[in-house]
Amino acid sequence: MEAPPRLTVGVVGVGRAGSVLAAALDRAGHRVVAVHAVSDTSRLRAEALIPQATLMTVPEVLKAAELVLVTVPDDVLPGLISGLAESDQIQPGQFLVHASGRYGVSVLAPATKAGALPLALHPVMTLTGTSLDLSRLAGCPFGVTAPEVLRPVAEALVVEMGGEPVWVAEQDRALYHAALANASNHLVTLVAQSMDLLERAGVADPGRMLGPLMSASLDNALRHGDPALTGPVVRGDAATVEKHLDSLAAVSGESRTAYLAMARLTADRALAAGLLPPAKAEALLDVLSRSDRP
């Protein structure tokens, strides 16, 4: 893979992703020359990670850079791109890069019509916006979407930042992002909820109790998928599941609802995978179907 030429880089939106990706590009030999940062936190990130960059207005950033990271919140991105295109701020031949998981390059269409070269480079990593993240990018997958002619450039930039490019088709971008959010964001909610319940059960250090179990479960799931399932649902232990639902109802209706939904999904997957014996499934499914119970 041939490395792209060294580029001058600008950043619009110095959030956690923008600051770290800019620092990674700078480390790879590109020159971060301009940033637009509104909040005090963003300015501090810029000073810490890309201190050589000059604070500028958005139009000035676009004039100064050959590659612009537009790393603003997802809901802001479409309007910002449209506004930049309508006000003739786009420089023809300029790389315009966003790091949103939700969008591919279609969100950059107004800028593309104005002559920009669109790239979507999404790091599949939870970022803090500090220098610690630079080491986390080593081997980090990036969801890459770009016009086919720009695919080599997009993938080369990811490799230069230390990441591993994974191609995601434009039409699959929303599904790709939903899968990641389901795995990462909902895992945090699940763990936090489980720690709350353990505290209610009198466990002094819930994190310490859950750590080894969840680490092993995650490792097994990533290695083996559905065959890694253990516990009362996959065993068809209807009485235990019923007792769980009763206990949860007494302390947290929300936790009971979440447990019931996940137990139903687990039962469906276990049945489909041949892990839950049909002879034991009937009683379990009967328990899970009583959604109107307290």
Protein backbone atom coordinates (compact mmCIF):
# COMPACT_ATOMS: atom_id res chain seq x y z
CA MET A 1 0.00 0.00 0.00
CA GLU A 2 1.54 3.25 -1.12
CA ALA A 3 1.50 5.99 1.50
CA PRO A 4 -0.28 9.19 0.55
CA PRO A 5 1.76 12.40 0.36
CA ARG A 6 2.32 14.41 3.53
CA LEU A 7 -0.66 16.68 4.01
CA THR A 8 -1.50 19.78 5.96
CA VAL A 9 -4.32 18.93 8.34
CA GLY A 10 -7.08 21.01 9.89
CA VAL A 11 -9.61 20.04 12.54
CA VAL A 12 -13.16 21.32 12.88
CA GLY A 13 -14.45 20.04 16.22
CA VAL A 14 -11.67 19.11 18.65
CA GLY A 15 -13.60 16.44 20.52
CA ARG A 16 -12.24 13.15 21.78
CA ALA A 17 -12.02 11.62 18.32
CA GLY A 18 -10.85 14.70 16.43
CA SER A 19 -8.03 15.52 18.80
CA VAL A 20 -6.68 11.96 18.89
CA LEU A 21 -6.94 11.34 15.14
CA ALA A 22 -5.22 14.65 14.46
CA ALA A 23 -2.42 13.73 16.85
CA ALA A 24 -2.10 10.33 15.17
CA LEU A 25 -1.86 11.92 11.73
CA ASP A 26 0.74 14.35 13.03
CA ARG A 27 2.73 11.48 14.49
CA ALA A 28 2.61 9.81 11.05
CA GLY A 29 4.29 12.82 9.46
CA HIS A 30 1.37 14.98 8.37
CA ARG A 31 1.26 18.58 9.67
CA VAL A 32 -1.68 19.66 11.78
CA VAL A 33 -1.73 23.40 11.14
CA ALA A 34 -5.20 24.64 12.12
CA VAL A 35 -8.02 23.85 14.53
CA HIS A 36 -11.44 25.26 15.31
CA ALA A 37 -12.31 24.72 18.96
CA VAL A 38 -15.20 26.42 20.72
CA SER A 39 -15.25 25.15 24.30
CA ASP A 40 -12.52 25.49 26.91
CA THR A 41 -12.25 21.69 27.01
CA SER A 42 -11.65 21.53 23.26
CA ARG A 43 -8.98 24.20 23.47
CA LEU A 44 -7.24 22.29 26.25
CA ARG A 45 -7.31 19.11 24.16
CA ALA A 46 -5.79 20.97 21.22
CA GLU A 47 -3.05 22.45 23.41
CA ALA A 48 -2.24 19.04 24.87
CA LEU A 49 -2.32 16.87 21.74
CA ILE A 50 -1.65 19.21 18.80
CA PRO A 51 0.02 22.29 20.33
CA GLN A 52 1.57 23.38 17.03
CA ALA A 53 -1.85 24.01 15.47
CA THR A 54 -3.23 27.54 15.29
CA LEU A 55 -6.71 28.31 16.57
CA MET A 56 -8.77 29.59 13.62
CA THR A 57 -12.31 30.14 12.40
CA VAL A 58 -13.94 27.37 10.38
CA PRO A 59 -13.41 29.14 7.00
CA GLU A 60 -9.76 29.74 7.91
CA VAL A 61 -9.27 26.06 8.79
CA LEU A 62 -10.65 24.99 5.43
CA LYS A 63 -8.38 27.43 3.59
CA ALA A 64 -5.29 26.31 5.50
CA ALA A 65 -5.57 22.53 5.19
CA GLU A 66 -5.40 19.90 2.47
CA LEU A 67 -7.15 17.39 4.73
CA VAL A 68 -9.86 18.52 7.13
CA LEU A 69 -11.16 16.38 9.98
CA VAL A 70 -14.79 17.35 10.51
CA THR A 71 -15.26 15.66 13.88
CA VAL A 72 -18.46 17.17 15.21
CA PRO A 73 -21.45 15.36 16.78
CA ASP A 74 -23.48 13.18 14.41
CA ASP A 75 -26.57 15.38 14.54
CA VAL A 76 -24.53 18.47 13.66
CA LEU A 77 -22.60 16.97 10.75
CA PRO A 78 -25.18 17.14 7.91
CA GLY A 79 -26.08 20.78 8.56
CA LEU A 80 -22.46 21.83 8.90
CA ILE A 81 -21.46 20.17 5.62
CA SER A 82 -24.40 21.73 3.80
CA GLY A 83 -23.57 25.14 5.21
CA LEU A 84 -19.92 24.90 4.21
CA ALA A 85 -20.86 23.90 0.67
CA GLU A 86 -23.51 26.61 0.29
CA SER A 87 -21.09 29.29 1.50
CA ASP A 88 -18.35 28.16 -0.92
CA GLN A 89 -15.94 27.26 1.87
CA ILE A 90 -14.93 23.91 0.34
CA GLN A 91 -11.59 23.81 -1.46
CA PRO A 92 -11.63 21.62 -4.61
CA GLY A 93 -9.33 18.62 -4.21
CA GLN A 94 -9.42 18.88 -0.42
CA PHE A 95 -9.86 15.69 1.62
CA LEU A 96 -12.87 15.97 3.91
CA VAL A 97 -12.85 13.30 6.61
CA HIS A 98 -15.39 12.51 9.30
CA ALA A 99 -15.12 9.93 12.09
CA SER A 100 -18.81 9.19 12.63
CA GLY A 101 -19.83 5.56 12.83
CA ARG A 102 -23.37 6.34 11.75
CA TYR A 103 -22.58 7.93 8.40
CA GLY A 104 -20.74 6.89 5.30
CA VAL A 105 -19.77 9.41 2.66
CA SER A 106 -23.27 10.31 1.50
CA VAL A 107 -23.49 12.84 4.33
CA LEU A 108 -20.58 14.64 2.64
CA ALA A 109 -22.38 14.80 -0.73
CA PRO A 110 -22.80 18.61 -0.76
CA ALA A 111 -19.07 19.01 -0.22
CA THR A 112 -18.27 16.33 -2.77
CA LYS A 113 -20.28 18.26 -5.38
CA ALA A 114 -18.13 21.27 -4.52
CA GLY A 115 -14.97 19.29 -5.30
CA ALA A 116 -14.04 17.76 -1.93
CA LEU A 117 -12.68 14.21 -1.65
CA PRO A 118 -14.87 12.43 0.96
CA LEU A 119 -13.65 9.83 3.46
CA ALA A 120 -15.39 8.19 6.44
CA LEU A 121 -12.86 6.81 8.95
CA HIS A 122 -14.46 5.56 12.16
CA PRO A 123 -12.19 4.21 14.93
CA VAL A 124 -13.88 1.30 16.70
CA MET A 125 -12.62 2.36 20.10
CA THR A 126 -13.80 4.23 23.16
CA LEU A 127 -11.66 7.37 23.28
CA THR A 128 -10.86 9.73 26.15
CA GLY A 129 -9.34 12.59 24.16
CA THR A 130 -5.95 12.21 25.85
CA SER A 131 -2.52 10.99 24.79
CA LEU A 132 -3.38 7.56 26.23
CA ASP A 133 -5.59 6.99 23.20
CA LEU A 134 -2.67 7.05 20.77
CA SER A 135 -1.52 3.64 22.00
CA ARG A 136 -5.11 2.36 21.80
CA LEU A 137 -5.14 3.06 18.08
CA ALA A 138 -2.45 0.42 17.56
CA GLY A 139 -4.27 -2.38 15.76
CA CYS A 140 -7.63 -0.66 16.29
CA PRO A 141 -10.19 -1.49 13.58
CA PHE A 142 -11.52 1.48 11.61
CA GLY A 143 -14.77 1.31 9.71
CA VAL A 144 -13.79 2.74 6.30
CA THR A 145 -16.19 4.03 3.65
CA ALA A 146 -15.09 6.02 0.61
CA PRO A 147 -15.58 6.23 -3.13
CA GLU A 148 -13.82 3.24 -4.67
CA VAL A 149 -11.18 5.45 -6.29
CA LEU A 150 -10.26 6.85 -2.86
CA ARG A 151 -10.28 3.55 -1.01
CA PRO A 152 -6.49 3.09 -1.15
CA VAL A 153 -5.95 6.57 0.30
CA ALA A 154 -8.49 6.00 3.07
CA GLU A 155 -6.97 2.68 4.02
CA ALA A 156 -3.43 4.07 3.90
CA LEU A 157 -4.37 6.91 6.27
CA VAL A 158 -5.82 4.39 8.73
CA VAL A 159 -2.68 2.28 8.58
CA GLU A 160 -0.54 5.37 9.13
CA MET A 161 -2.53 6.14 12.28
CA GLY A 162 -1.77 2.63 13.53
CA GLY A 163 -5.21 1.19 12.80
CA GLU A 164 -6.59 -1.67 10.77
CA PRO A 165 -8.97 -0.64 7.94
CA VAL A 166 -12.21 -2.62 7.64
CA TRP A 167 -14.34 -1.80 4.60
CA VAL A 168 -18.00 -0.98 5.29
CA ALA A 169 -20.32 -0.40 2.33
CA GLU A 170 -22.32 2.84 2.33
CA GLN A 171 -25.68 1.06 2.61
CA ASP A 172 -24.47 -1.00 5.58
CA ARG A 173 -23.20 1.89 7.64
CA ALA A 174 -26.22 2.28 9.95
CA LEU A 175 -26.37 -1.47 10.67
CA TYR A 176 -22.63 -1.53 11.33
CA HIS A 177 -22.94 1.32 13.83
CA ALA A 178 -26.01 -0.21 15.51
CA ALA A 179 -24.08 -3.44 16.08
CA LEU A 180 -21.19 -1.59 17.68
CA ALA A 181 -23.47 0.51 19.89
CA ASN A 182 -25.39 -2.58 20.93
CA ALA A 183 -22.20 -4.35 21.96
CA SER A 184 -20.32 -1.50 23.64
CA ASN A 185 -22.90 0.93 25.02
CA HIS A 186 -25.38 -1.68 26.19
CA LEU A 187 -22.59 -3.71 27.78
CA VAL A 188 -21.78 -0.74 30.00
CA THR A 189 -25.45 -0.45 30.99
CA LEU A 190 -25.65 -4.18 31.67
CA VAL A 191 -22.56 -4.16 33.87
CA ALA A 192 -23.62 -1.06 35.79
CA GLN A 193 -27.09 -2.52 36.35
CA SER A 194 -25.62 -5.82 37.55
CA MET A 195 -23.34 -4.01 39.98
CA ASP A 196 -26.34 -2.13 41.38
CA LEU A 197 -28.17 -5.41 41.93
CA LEU A 198 -25.17 -7.01 43.62
CA GLU A 199 -24.97 -4.04 45.97
CA ARG A 200 -28.64 -4.61 46.80
CA ALA A 201 -27.70 -8.22 47.55
CA GLY A 202 -25.06 -7.05 50.05
CA VAL A 203 -21.93 -7.53 47.94
CA ALA A 204 -19.36 -4.93 49.03
CA ASP A 205 -17.27 -4.90 45.85
CA PRO A 206 -19.47 -5.81 42.86
CA GLY A 207 -16.85 -4.92 40.27
CA ARG A 208 -14.36 -7.32 41.75
CA MET A 209 -16.93 -10.10 41.74
CA LEU A 210 -18.06 -9.47 38.15
CA GLY A 211 -14.63 -8.85 36.64
CA PRO A 212 -13.34 -12.42 36.23
CA LEU A 213 -16.76 -13.76 35.21
CA MET A 214 -17.43 -11.11 32.59
CA SER A 215 -13.90 -11.17 31.23
CA ALA A 216 -14.16 -14.94 30.69
CA SER A 217 -17.67 -14.61 29.22
CA LEU A 218 -16.58 -11.91 26.79
CA ASP A 219 -13.53 -13.88 25.71
CA ASN A 220 -15.59 -17.05 25.20
CA ALA A 221 -18.30 -15.16 23.28
CA LEU A 222 -15.79 -13.56 20.93
CA ARG A 223 -14.11 -16.90 20.32
CA HIS A 224 -17.12 -19.19 20.06
CA GLY A 225 -20.33 -17.17 19.66
CA ASP A 226 -23.57 -18.84 20.80
CA PRO A 227 -21.86 -22.09 21.94
CA ALA A 228 -20.28 -20.03 24.74
CA LEU A 229 -23.72 -19.70 26.38
CA THR A 230 -24.03 -21.03 29.93
CA GLY A 231 -26.57 -20.56 32.71
CA PRO A 232 -30.19 -21.39 33.47
CA VAL A 233 -31.71 -20.32 30.14
CA VAL A 234 -29.55 -22.54 27.96
CA ARG A 235 -30.05 -25.38 30.49
CA GLY A 236 -33.81 -24.92 30.31
CA ASP A 237 -34.01 -24.34 34.07
CA ALA A 238 -37.43 -22.69 34.11
CA ALA A 239 -37.79 -22.65 37.89
CA THR A 240 -34.54 -20.73 38.34
CA VAL A 241 -35.46 -18.18 35.68
CA GLU A 242 -38.87 -17.72 37.31
CA LYS A 243 -37.23 -17.13 40.69
CA HIS A 244 -34.88 -14.59 39.09
CA LEU A 245 -37.82 -12.66 37.65
CA ASP A 246 -39.62 -12.67 41.01
CA SER A 247 -36.50 -11.43 42.83
CA LEU A 248 -35.89 -8.68 40.29
CA ALA A 249 -39.53 -7.54 40.40
CA ALA A 250 -39.14 -6.95 44.13
CA VAL A 251 -36.22 -4.52 43.72
CA SER A 252 -36.26 -3.10 40.18
CA GLY A 253 -38.95 -3.29 37.53
CA GLU A 254 -36.52 -1.93 34.94
CA SER A 255 -34.00 -4.68 35.71
CA ARG A 256 -36.73 -7.31 35.45
CA THR A 257 -37.82 -5.97 32.06
CA ALA A 258 -34.22 -6.00 30.77
CA TYR A 259 -33.60 -9.52 32.13
CA LEU A 260 -36.81 -10.82 30.54
CA ALA A 261 -35.95 -9.33 27.13
CA MET A 262 -32.43 -10.75 27.17
CA ALA A 263 -33.63 -14.14 28.45
CA ARG A 264 -36.11 -14.38 25.57
CA LEU A 265 -33.42 -13.50 23.05
CA THR A 266 -31.00 -15.96 24.67
CA ALA A 267 -33.63 -18.72 24.55
CA ASP A 268 -34.34 -18.04 20.87
CA ARG A 269 -30.66 -18.15 19.97
CA ALA A 270 -30.05 -21.24 22.09
CA LEU A 271 -32.94 -23.05 20.41
CA ALA A 272 -31.78 -22.05 16.94
CA ALA A 273 -28.25 -23.22 17.72
CA GLY A 274 -29.47 -26.56 19.10
CA LEU A 275 -28.13 -25.76 22.58
CA LEU A 276 -31.48 -25.70 24.44
CA PRO A 277 -33.10 -29.14 24.42
CA PRO A 278 -36.65 -28.87 23.03
CA ALA A 279 -37.91 -31.09 25.85
CA LYS A 280 -36.85 -28.47 28.38
CA ALA A 281 -37.74 -25.45 26.28
CA GLU A 282 -41.51 -25.62 26.72
CA ALA A 283 -41.58 -24.84 30.44
CA LEU A 284 -38.95 -22.14 30.05
CA LEU A 285 -40.78 -20.44 27.20
CA ASP A 286 -43.99 -20.58 29.23
CA VAL A 287 -42.28 -18.67 32.05
CA LEU A 288 -40.85 -16.12 29.63
CA SER A 289 -44.20 -15.59 27.94
CA ARG A 290 -45.86 -14.32 31.10
CA SER A 291 -44.90 -10.73 30.45
CA ASP A 292 -47.90 -9.42 32.38
CA ARG A 293 -46.65 -10.81 35.69
CA PRO A 294 -45.51 -8.34 38.37
